[in-house]
Amino acid sequence: MAKPYWLINLNSSEVKRFIKNDKSIDGVFEYMFIDTGKIVGVLGKEKPIMTNTVSVEIDLAREIYERLLSQGWRKIDEVWI
């Protein structure tokens, strides 16, 4: 399974997970899933409730990731395993 990359918004109420679609064909059709979730309870104690998933081309996923970082989202590790 591909390594996920997580972002969290400024008020720690929402997360986004970026993960490569394992069924992508390298160099031909590369897609990323972008999952959106809401933080419930205390961060790190409970898993976020995932509310939405989209599949986008890998270049667009990179643009979205960079745009979110520029808007104040922060990189985090998955802390609710």
PDB file of N, CA and C in Angstrom:
ATOM      1  N   MET A   1       0.839  -1.187   0.000  1.00  0.00           N
ATOM      2  CA  MET A   1       0.000   0.000   0.000  1.00  0.00           C
ATOM      3  C   MET A   1       0.881   1.247   0.000  1.00  0.00           C
ATOM      4  N   ALA A   2       0.459   2.240  -0.734  1.00  0.00           N
ATOM      5  CA  ALA A   2       1.206   3.494  -0.834  1.00  0.00           C
ATOM      6  C   ALA A   2       1.174   4.247   0.492  1.00  0.00           C
ATOM      7  N   LYS A   3       2.211   5.057   0.703  1.00  0.00           N
ATOM      8  CA  LYS A   3       2.294   5.866   1.922  1.00  0.00           C
ATOM      9  C   LYS A   3       1.314   7.033   1.831  1.00  0.00           C
ATOM     10  N   PRO A   4       0.467   7.219   2.845  1.00  0.00           N
ATOM     11  CA  PRO A   4      -0.443   8.367   2.833  1.00  0.00           C
ATOM     12  C   PRO A   4       0.245   9.628   3.347  1.00  0.00           C
ATOM     13  N   TYR A   5      -0.196  10.764   2.845  1.00  0.00           N
ATOM     14  CA  TYR A   5       0.271  12.075   3.307  1.00  0.00           C
ATOM     15  C   TYR A   5      -0.935  12.794   3.875  1.00  0.00           C
ATOM     16  N   TRP A   6      -0.806  13.277   5.098  1.00  0.00           N
ATOM     17  CA  TRP A   6      -1.921  13.888   5.819  1.00  0.00           C
ATOM     18  C   TRP A   6      -1.686  15.378   6.020  1.00  0.00           C
ATOM     19  N   LEU A   7      -2.779  16.138   5.925  1.00  0.00           N
ATOM     20  CA  LEU A   7      -2.783  17.560   6.258  1.00  0.00           C
ATOM     21  C   LEU A   7      -3.922  17.818   7.231  1.00  0.00           C
ATOM     22  N   ILE A   8      -3.748  18.829   8.083  1.00  0.00           N
ATOM     23  CA  ILE A   8      -4.798  19.237   9.010  1.00  0.00           C
ATOM     24  C   ILE A   8      -4.971  20.743   8.910  1.00  0.00           C
ATOM     25  N   ASN A   9      -6.221  21.207   9.033  1.00  0.00           N
ATOM     26  CA  ASN A   9      -6.466  22.639   8.891  1.00  0.00           C
ATOM     27  C   ASN A   9      -6.073  23.399  10.162  1.00  0.00           C
ATOM     28  N   LEU A  10      -6.152  24.717  10.092  1.00  0.00           N
ATOM     29  CA  LEU A  10      -5.665  25.575  11.182  1.00  0.00           C
ATOM     30  C   LEU A  10      -6.351  25.324  12.517  1.00  0.00           C
ATOM     31  N   ASN A  11      -7.664  25.075  12.510  1.00  0.00           N
ATOM     32  CA  ASN A  11      -8.352  24.897  13.789  1.00  0.00           C
ATOM     33  C   ASN A  11      -8.514  23.424  14.174  1.00  0.00           C
ATOM     34  N   SER A  12      -7.757  22.557  13.511  1.00  0.00           N
ATOM     35  CA  SER A  12      -7.725  21.123  13.827  1.00  0.00           C
ATOM     36  C   SER A  12      -9.101  20.462  13.803  1.00  0.00           C
ATOM     37  N   SER A  13      -9.927  20.870  12.849  1.00  0.00           N
ATOM     38  CA  SER A  13     -11.259  20.283  12.748  1.00  0.00           C
ATOM     39  C   SER A  13     -11.424  19.406  11.513  1.00  0.00           C
ATOM     40  N   GLU A  14     -10.474  19.486  10.587  1.00  0.00           N
ATOM     41  CA  GLU A  14     -10.607  18.746   9.336  1.00  0.00           C
ATOM     42  C   GLU A  14      -9.237  18.240   8.893  1.00  0.00           C
ATOM     43  N   VAL A  15      -9.217  17.046   8.310  1.00  0.00           N
ATOM     44  CA  VAL A  15      -7.985  16.474   7.764  1.00  0.00           C
ATOM     45  C   VAL A  15      -8.205  16.089   6.313  1.00  0.00           C
ATOM     46  N   LYS A  16      -7.094  16.004   5.602  1.00  0.00           N
ATOM     47  CA  LYS A  16      -7.111  15.486   4.243  1.00  0.00           C
ATOM     48  C   LYS A  16      -6.001  14.456   4.146  1.00  0.00           C
ATOM     49  N   ARG A  17      -6.325  13.320   3.509  1.00  0.00           N
ATOM     50  CA  ARG A  17      -5.341  12.272   3.271  1.00  0.00           C
ATOM     51  C   ARG A  17      -5.132  12.144   1.766  1.00  0.00           C
ATOM     52  N   PHE A  18      -3.883  12.191   1.354  1.00  0.00           N
ATOM     53  CA  PHE A  18      -3.509  12.027  -0.043  1.00  0.00           C
ATOM     54  C   PHE A  18      -2.808  10.677  -0.144  1.00  0.00           C
ATOM     55  N   ILE A  19      -3.326   9.802  -0.999  1.00  0.00           N
ATOM     56  CA  ILE A  19      -2.725   8.479  -1.147  1.00  0.00           C
ATOM     57  C   ILE A  19      -2.840   8.036  -2.599  1.00  0.00           C
ATOM     58  N   LYS A  20      -1.746   7.496  -3.109  1.00  0.00           N
ATOM     59  CA  LYS A  20      -1.727   7.079  -4.514  1.00  0.00           C
ATOM     60  C   LYS A  20      -2.635   5.879  -4.714  1.00  0.00           C
ATOM     61  N   ASN A  21      -3.372   5.897  -5.796  1.00  0.00           N
ATOM     62  CA  ASN A  21      -4.211   4.774  -6.168  1.00  0.00           C
ATOM     63  C   ASN A  21      -3.285   3.630  -6.581  1.00  0.00           C
ATOM     64  N   ASP A  22      -3.307   2.533  -5.832  1.00  0.00           N
ATOM     65  CA  ASP A  22      -2.435   1.396  -6.118  1.00  0.00           C
ATOM     66  C   ASP A  22      -2.695   0.770  -7.488  1.00  0.00           C
ATOM     67  N   LYS A  23      -3.852   1.033  -8.052  1.00  0.00           N
ATOM     68  CA  LYS A  23      -4.186   0.461  -9.348  1.00  0.00           C
ATOM     69  C   LYS A  23      -3.731   1.347 -10.505  1.00  0.00           C
ATOM     70  N   SER A  24      -3.075   2.477 -10.177  1.00  0.00           N
ATOM     71  CA  SER A  24      -2.543   3.357 -11.212  1.00  0.00           C
ATOM     72  C   SER A  24      -1.441   2.639 -11.972  1.00  0.00           C
ATOM     73  N   ILE A  25      -1.324   2.948 -13.239  1.00  0.00           N
ATOM     74  CA  ILE A  25      -0.242   2.408 -14.059  1.00  0.00           C
ATOM     75  C   ILE A  25       0.833   3.484 -14.131  1.00  0.00           C
ATOM     76  N   ASP A  26       1.982   3.222 -13.499  1.00  0.00           N
ATOM     77  CA  ASP A  26       3.055   4.212 -13.427  1.00  0.00           C
ATOM     78  C   ASP A  26       3.389   4.781 -14.797  1.00  0.00           C
ATOM     79  N   GLY A  27       3.420   6.108 -14.860  1.00  0.00           N
ATOM     80  CA  GLY A  27       3.797   6.790 -16.090  1.00  0.00           C
ATOM     81  C   GLY A  27       2.687   6.900 -17.107  1.00  0.00           C
ATOM     82  N   VAL A  28       1.570   6.224 -16.891  1.00  0.00           N
ATOM     83  CA  VAL A  28       0.472   6.276 -17.857  1.00  0.00           C
ATOM     84  C   VAL A  28      -0.742   6.934 -17.221  1.00  0.00           C
ATOM     85  N   PHE A  29      -1.374   6.224 -16.302  1.00  0.00           N
ATOM     86  CA  PHE A  29      -2.534   6.754 -15.601  1.00  0.00           C
ATOM     87  C   PHE A  29      -2.224   6.758 -14.113  1.00  0.00           C
ATOM     88  N   GLU A  30      -1.758   7.889 -13.608  1.00  0.00           N
ATOM     89  CA  GLU A  30      -1.441   7.978 -12.190  1.00  0.00           C
ATOM     90  C   GLU A  30      -2.466   8.875 -11.503  1.00  0.00           C
ATOM     91  N   TYR A  31      -3.119   8.310 -10.512  1.00  0.00           N
ATOM     92  CA  TYR A  31      -4.160   9.014  -9.786  1.00  0.00           C
ATOM     93  C   TYR A  31      -3.905   8.951  -8.291  1.00  0.00           C
ATOM     94  N   MET A  32      -4.395   9.965  -7.595  1.00  0.00           N
ATOM     95  CA  MET A  32      -4.340  10.010  -6.139  1.00  0.00           C
ATOM     96  C   MET A  32      -5.773  10.087  -5.626  1.00  0.00           C
ATOM     97  N   PHE A  33      -5.991   9.452  -4.495  1.00  0.00           N
ATOM     98  CA  PHE A  33      -7.241   9.645  -3.768  1.00  0.00           C
ATOM     99  C   PHE A  33      -6.991  10.767  -2.776  1.00  0.00           C
ATOM    100  N   ILE A  34      -7.936  11.680  -2.681  1.00  0.00           N
ATOM    101  CA  ILE A  34      -7.908  12.716  -1.653  1.00  0.00           C
ATOM    102  C   ILE A  34      -9.142  12.491  -0.792  1.00  0.00           C
ATOM    103  N   ASP A  35      -8.901  12.064   0.447  1.00  0.00           N
ATOM    104  CA  ASP A  35      -9.978  11.818   1.398  1.00  0.00           C
ATOM    105  C   ASP A  35     -10.081  13.007   2.339  1.00  0.00           C
ATOM    106  N   THR A  36     -11.285  13.398   2.659  1.00  0.00           N
ATOM    107  CA  THR A  36     -11.527  14.481   3.604  1.00  0.00           C
ATOM    108  C   THR A  36     -12.244  13.908   4.816  1.00  0.00           C
ATOM    109  N   GLY A  37     -11.821  14.326   5.989  1.00  0.00           N
ATOM    110  CA  GLY A  37     -12.440  13.827   7.207  1.00  0.00           C
ATOM    111  C   GLY A  37     -12.570  14.908   8.261  1.00  0.00           C
ATOM    112  N   LYS A  38     -13.530  14.691   9.168  1.00  0.00           N
ATOM    113  CA  LYS A  38     -13.755  15.608  10.290  1.00  0.00           C
ATOM    114  C   LYS A  38     -13.155  14.997  11.545  1.00  0.00           C
ATOM    115  N   ILE A  39     -12.498  15.841  12.324  1.00  0.00           N
ATOM    116  CA  ILE A  39     -11.953  15.412  13.608  1.00  0.00           C
ATOM    117  C   ILE A  39     -13.089  15.398  14.622  1.00  0.00           C
ATOM    118  N   VAL A  40     -13.216  14.290  15.326  1.00  0.00           N
ATOM    119  CA  VAL A  40     -14.227  14.183  16.387  1.00  0.00           C
ATOM    120  C   VAL A  40     -13.490  13.908  17.692  1.00  0.00           C
ATOM    121  N   GLY A  41     -13.936  14.505  18.746  1.00  0.00           N
ATOM    122  CA  GLY A  41     -13.283  14.289  20.033  1.00  0.00           C
ATOM    123  C   GLY A  41     -11.904  14.925  20.067  1.00  0.00           C
ATOM    124  N   VAL A  42     -10.984  14.275  20.749  1.00  0.00           N
ATOM    125  CA  VAL A  42      -9.626  14.773  20.934  1.00  0.00           C
ATOM    126  C   VAL A  42      -8.731  14.243  19.814  1.00  0.00           C
ATOM    127  N   LEU A  43      -7.989  15.145  19.174  1.00  0.00           N
ATOM    128  CA  LEU A  43      -7.093  14.762  18.094  1.00  0.00           C
ATOM    129  C   LEU A  43      -6.124  13.691  18.573  1.00  0.00           C
ATOM    130  N   GLY A  44      -6.064  12.602  17.842  1.00  0.00           N
ATOM    131  CA  GLY A  44      -5.163  11.518  18.173  1.00  0.00           C
ATOM    132  C   GLY A  44      -5.798  10.403  18.980  1.00  0.00           C
ATOM    133  N   LYS A  45      -6.955  10.656  19.544  1.00  0.00           N
ATOM    134  CA  LYS A  45      -7.630   9.630  20.346  1.00  0.00           C
ATOM    135  C   LYS A  45      -8.606   8.814  19.495  1.00  0.00           C
ATOM    136  N   GLU A  46      -9.299   9.473  18.590  1.00  0.00           N
ATOM    137  CA  GLU A  46     -10.279   8.804  17.737  1.00  0.00           C
ATOM    138  C   GLU A  46      -9.955   9.090  16.283  1.00  0.00           C
ATOM    139  N   LYS A  47     -10.268   8.125  15.425  1.00  0.00           N
ATOM    140  CA  LYS A  47     -10.057   8.329  13.992  1.00  0.00           C
ATOM    141  C   LYS A  47     -11.012   9.402  13.489  1.00  0.00           C
ATOM    142  N   PRO A  48     -10.590  10.183  12.488  1.00  0.00           N
ATOM    143  CA  PRO A  48     -11.517  11.156  11.913  1.00  0.00           C
ATOM    144  C   PRO A  48     -12.631  10.432  11.168  1.00  0.00           C
ATOM    145  N   ILE A  49     -13.762  11.078  11.064  1.00  0.00           N
ATOM    146  CA  ILE A  49     -14.871  10.539  10.278  1.00  0.00           C
ATOM    147  C   ILE A  49     -14.669  11.008   8.853  1.00  0.00           C
ATOM    148  N   MET A  50     -14.392  10.060   7.958  1.00  0.00           N
ATOM    149  CA  MET A  50     -14.137  10.400   6.563  1.00  0.00           C
ATOM    150  C   MET A  50     -15.470  10.734   5.887  1.00  0.00           C
ATOM    151  N   THR A  51     -15.517  11.883   5.251  1.00  0.00           N
ATOM    152  CA  THR A  51     -16.774  12.376   4.688  1.00  0.00           C
ATOM    153  C   THR A  51     -16.798  12.416   3.172  1.00  0.00           C
ATOM    154  N   ASN A  52     -15.615  12.389   2.548  1.00  0.00           N
ATOM    155  CA  ASN A  52     -15.585  12.557   1.095  1.00  0.00           C
ATOM    156  C   ASN A  52     -14.286  11.979   0.536  1.00  0.00           C
ATOM    157  N   THR A  53     -14.368  11.401  -0.655  1.00  0.00           N
ATOM    158  CA  THR A  53     -13.185  10.916  -1.364  1.00  0.00           C
ATOM    159  C   THR A  53     -13.311  11.295  -2.827  1.00  0.00           C
ATOM    160  N   VAL A  54     -12.224  11.834  -3.364  1.00  0.00           N
ATOM    161  CA  VAL A  54     -12.177  12.119  -4.806  1.00  0.00           C
ATOM    162  C   VAL A  54     -10.905  11.498  -5.369  1.00  0.00           C
ATOM    163  N   SER A  55     -10.942  11.182  -6.647  1.00  0.00           N
ATOM    164  CA  SER A  55      -9.778  10.653  -7.345  1.00  0.00           C
ATOM    165  C   SER A  55      -9.386  11.668  -8.408  1.00  0.00           C
ATOM    166  N   VAL A  56      -8.135  12.118  -8.340  1.00  0.00           N
ATOM    167  CA  VAL A  56      -7.672  13.133  -9.292  1.00  0.00           C
ATOM    168  C   VAL A  56      -6.318  12.711  -9.853  1.00  0.00           C
ATOM    169  N   GLU A  57      -5.962  13.278 -10.992  1.00  0.00           N
ATOM    170  CA  GLU A  57      -4.650  13.003 -11.560  1.00  0.00           C
ATOM    171  C   GLU A  57      -3.583  13.474 -10.587  1.00  0.00           C
ATOM    172  N   ILE A  58      -2.462  12.796 -10.612  1.00  0.00           N
ATOM    173  CA  ILE A  58      -1.416  13.034  -9.619  1.00  0.00           C
ATOM    174  C   ILE A  58      -0.900  14.474  -9.636  1.00  0.00           C
ATOM    175  N   ASP A  59      -0.809  15.085 -10.814  1.00  0.00           N
ATOM    176  CA  ASP A  59      -0.338  16.476 -10.880  1.00  0.00           C
ATOM    177  C   ASP A  59      -1.316  17.428 -10.212  1.00  0.00           C
ATOM    178  N   LEU A  60      -2.621  17.201 -10.399  1.00  0.00           N
ATOM    179  CA  LEU A  60      -3.626  18.037  -9.751  1.00  0.00           C
ATOM    180  C   LEU A  60      -3.588  17.830  -8.236  1.00  0.00           C
ATOM    181  N   ALA A  61      -3.385  16.603  -7.794  1.00  0.00           N
ATOM    182  CA  ALA A  61      -3.287  16.334  -6.356  1.00  0.00           C
ATOM    183  C   ALA A  61      -2.125  17.107  -5.743  1.00  0.00           C
ATOM    184  N   ARG A  62      -1.013  17.163  -6.450  1.00  0.00           N
ATOM    185  CA  ARG A  62       0.147  17.929  -5.956  1.00  0.00           C
ATOM    186  C   ARG A  62      -0.188  19.407  -5.846  1.00  0.00           C
ATOM    187  N   GLU A  63      -0.894  19.936  -6.842  1.00  0.00           N
ATOM    188  CA  GLU A  63      -1.294  21.351  -6.800  1.00  0.00           C
ATOM    189  C   GLU A  63      -2.204  21.623  -5.612  1.00  0.00           C
ATOM    190  N   ILE A  64      -3.166  20.749  -5.383  1.00  0.00           N
ATOM    191  CA  ILE A  64      -4.097  20.918  -4.260  1.00  0.00           C
ATOM    192  C   ILE A  64      -3.335  20.864  -2.945  1.00  0.00           C
ATOM    193  N   TYR A  65      -2.421  19.915  -2.817  1.00  0.00           N
ATOM    194  CA  TYR A  65      -1.614  19.750  -1.602  1.00  0.00           C
ATOM    195  C   TYR A  65      -0.822  21.026  -1.318  1.00  0.00           C
ATOM    196  N   GLU A  66      -0.148  21.540  -2.331  1.00  0.00           N
ATOM    197  CA  GLU A  66       0.650  22.767  -2.168  1.00  0.00           C
ATOM    198  C   GLU A  66      -0.236  23.966  -1.851  1.00  0.00           C
ATOM    199  N   ARG A  67      -1.397  24.052  -2.490  1.00  0.00           N
ATOM    200  CA  ARG A  67      -2.318  25.164  -2.227  1.00  0.00           C
ATOM    201  C   ARG A  67      -2.801  25.129  -0.785  1.00  0.00           C
ATOM    202  N   LEU A  68      -3.142  23.951  -0.282  1.00  0.00           N
ATOM    203  CA  LEU A  68      -3.579  23.840   1.109  1.00  0.00           C
ATOM    204  C   LEU A  68      -2.465  24.242   2.075  1.00  0.00           C
ATOM    205  N   LEU A  69      -1.238  23.826   1.792  1.00  0.00           N
ATOM    206  CA  LEU A  69      -0.109  24.240   2.640  1.00  0.00           C
ATOM    207  C   LEU A  69       0.032  25.761   2.650  1.00  0.00           C
ATOM    208  N   SER A  70      -0.143  26.378   1.491  1.00  0.00           N
ATOM    209  CA  SER A  70      -0.014  27.840   1.424  1.00  0.00           C
ATOM    210  C   SER A  70      -1.151  28.551   2.153  1.00  0.00           C
ATOM    211  N   GLN A  71      -2.264  27.850   2.373  1.00  0.00           N
ATOM    212  CA  GLN A  71      -3.405  28.417   3.089  1.00  0.00           C
ATOM    213  C   GLN A  71      -3.349  28.141   4.591  1.00  0.00           C
ATOM    214  N   GLY A  72      -2.248  27.533   5.052  1.00  0.00           N
ATOM    215  CA  GLY A  72      -2.070  27.333   6.487  1.00  0.00           C
ATOM    216  C   GLY A  72      -2.287  25.917   6.973  1.00  0.00           C
ATOM    217  N   TRP A  73      -2.676  25.000   6.097  1.00  0.00           N
ATOM    218  CA  TRP A  73      -2.789  23.616   6.521  1.00  0.00           C
ATOM    219  C   TRP A  73      -1.397  23.122   6.898  1.00  0.00           C
ATOM    220  N   ARG A  74      -1.331  22.165   7.844  1.00  0.00           N
ATOM    221  CA  ARG A  74      -0.055  21.637   8.309  1.00  0.00           C
ATOM    222  C   ARG A  74       0.052  20.147   8.011  1.00  0.00           C
ATOM    223  N   LYS A  75       1.283  19.701   7.788  1.00  0.00           N
ATOM    224  CA  LYS A  75       1.537  18.270   7.612  1.00  0.00           C
ATOM    225  C   LYS A  75       1.461  17.606   8.984  1.00  0.00           C
ATOM    226  N   ILE A  76       0.845  16.436   9.024  1.00  0.00           N
ATOM    227  CA  ILE A  76       0.811  15.656  10.265  1.00  0.00           C
ATOM    228  C   ILE A  76       1.043  14.188   9.937  1.00  0.00           C
ATOM    229  N   ASP A  77       1.407  13.445  10.954  1.00  0.00           N
ATOM    230  CA  ASP A  77       1.482  11.999  10.833  1.00  0.00           C
ATOM    231  C   ASP A  77       0.133  11.432  11.256  1.00  0.00           C
ATOM    232  N   GLU A  78      -0.152  10.232  10.803  1.00  0.00           N
ATOM    233  CA  GLU A  78      -1.383   9.556  11.225  1.00  0.00           C
ATOM    234  C   GLU A  78      -1.213   9.173  12.680  1.00  0.00           C
ATOM    235  N   VAL A  79      -1.961   9.823  13.564  1.00  0.00           N
ATOM    236  CA  VAL A  79      -1.769   9.623  15.002  1.00  0.00           C
ATOM    237  C   VAL A  79      -2.887   8.810  15.641  1.00  0.00           C
ATOM    238  N   TRP A  80      -3.819   8.309  14.856  1.00  0.00           N
ATOM    239  CA  TRP A  80      -4.965   7.606  15.435  1.00  0.00           C
ATOM    240  C   TRP A  80      -5.009   6.143  15.017  1.00  0.00           C
ATOM    241  N   ILE A  81      -3.860   5.558  14.761  1.00  0.00           N
ATOM    242  CA  ILE A  81      -3.819   4.159  14.334  1.00  0.00           C
ATOM    243  C   ILE A  81      -4.326   3.272  15.456  1.00  0.00           C
TER     244      ILE A  81
END
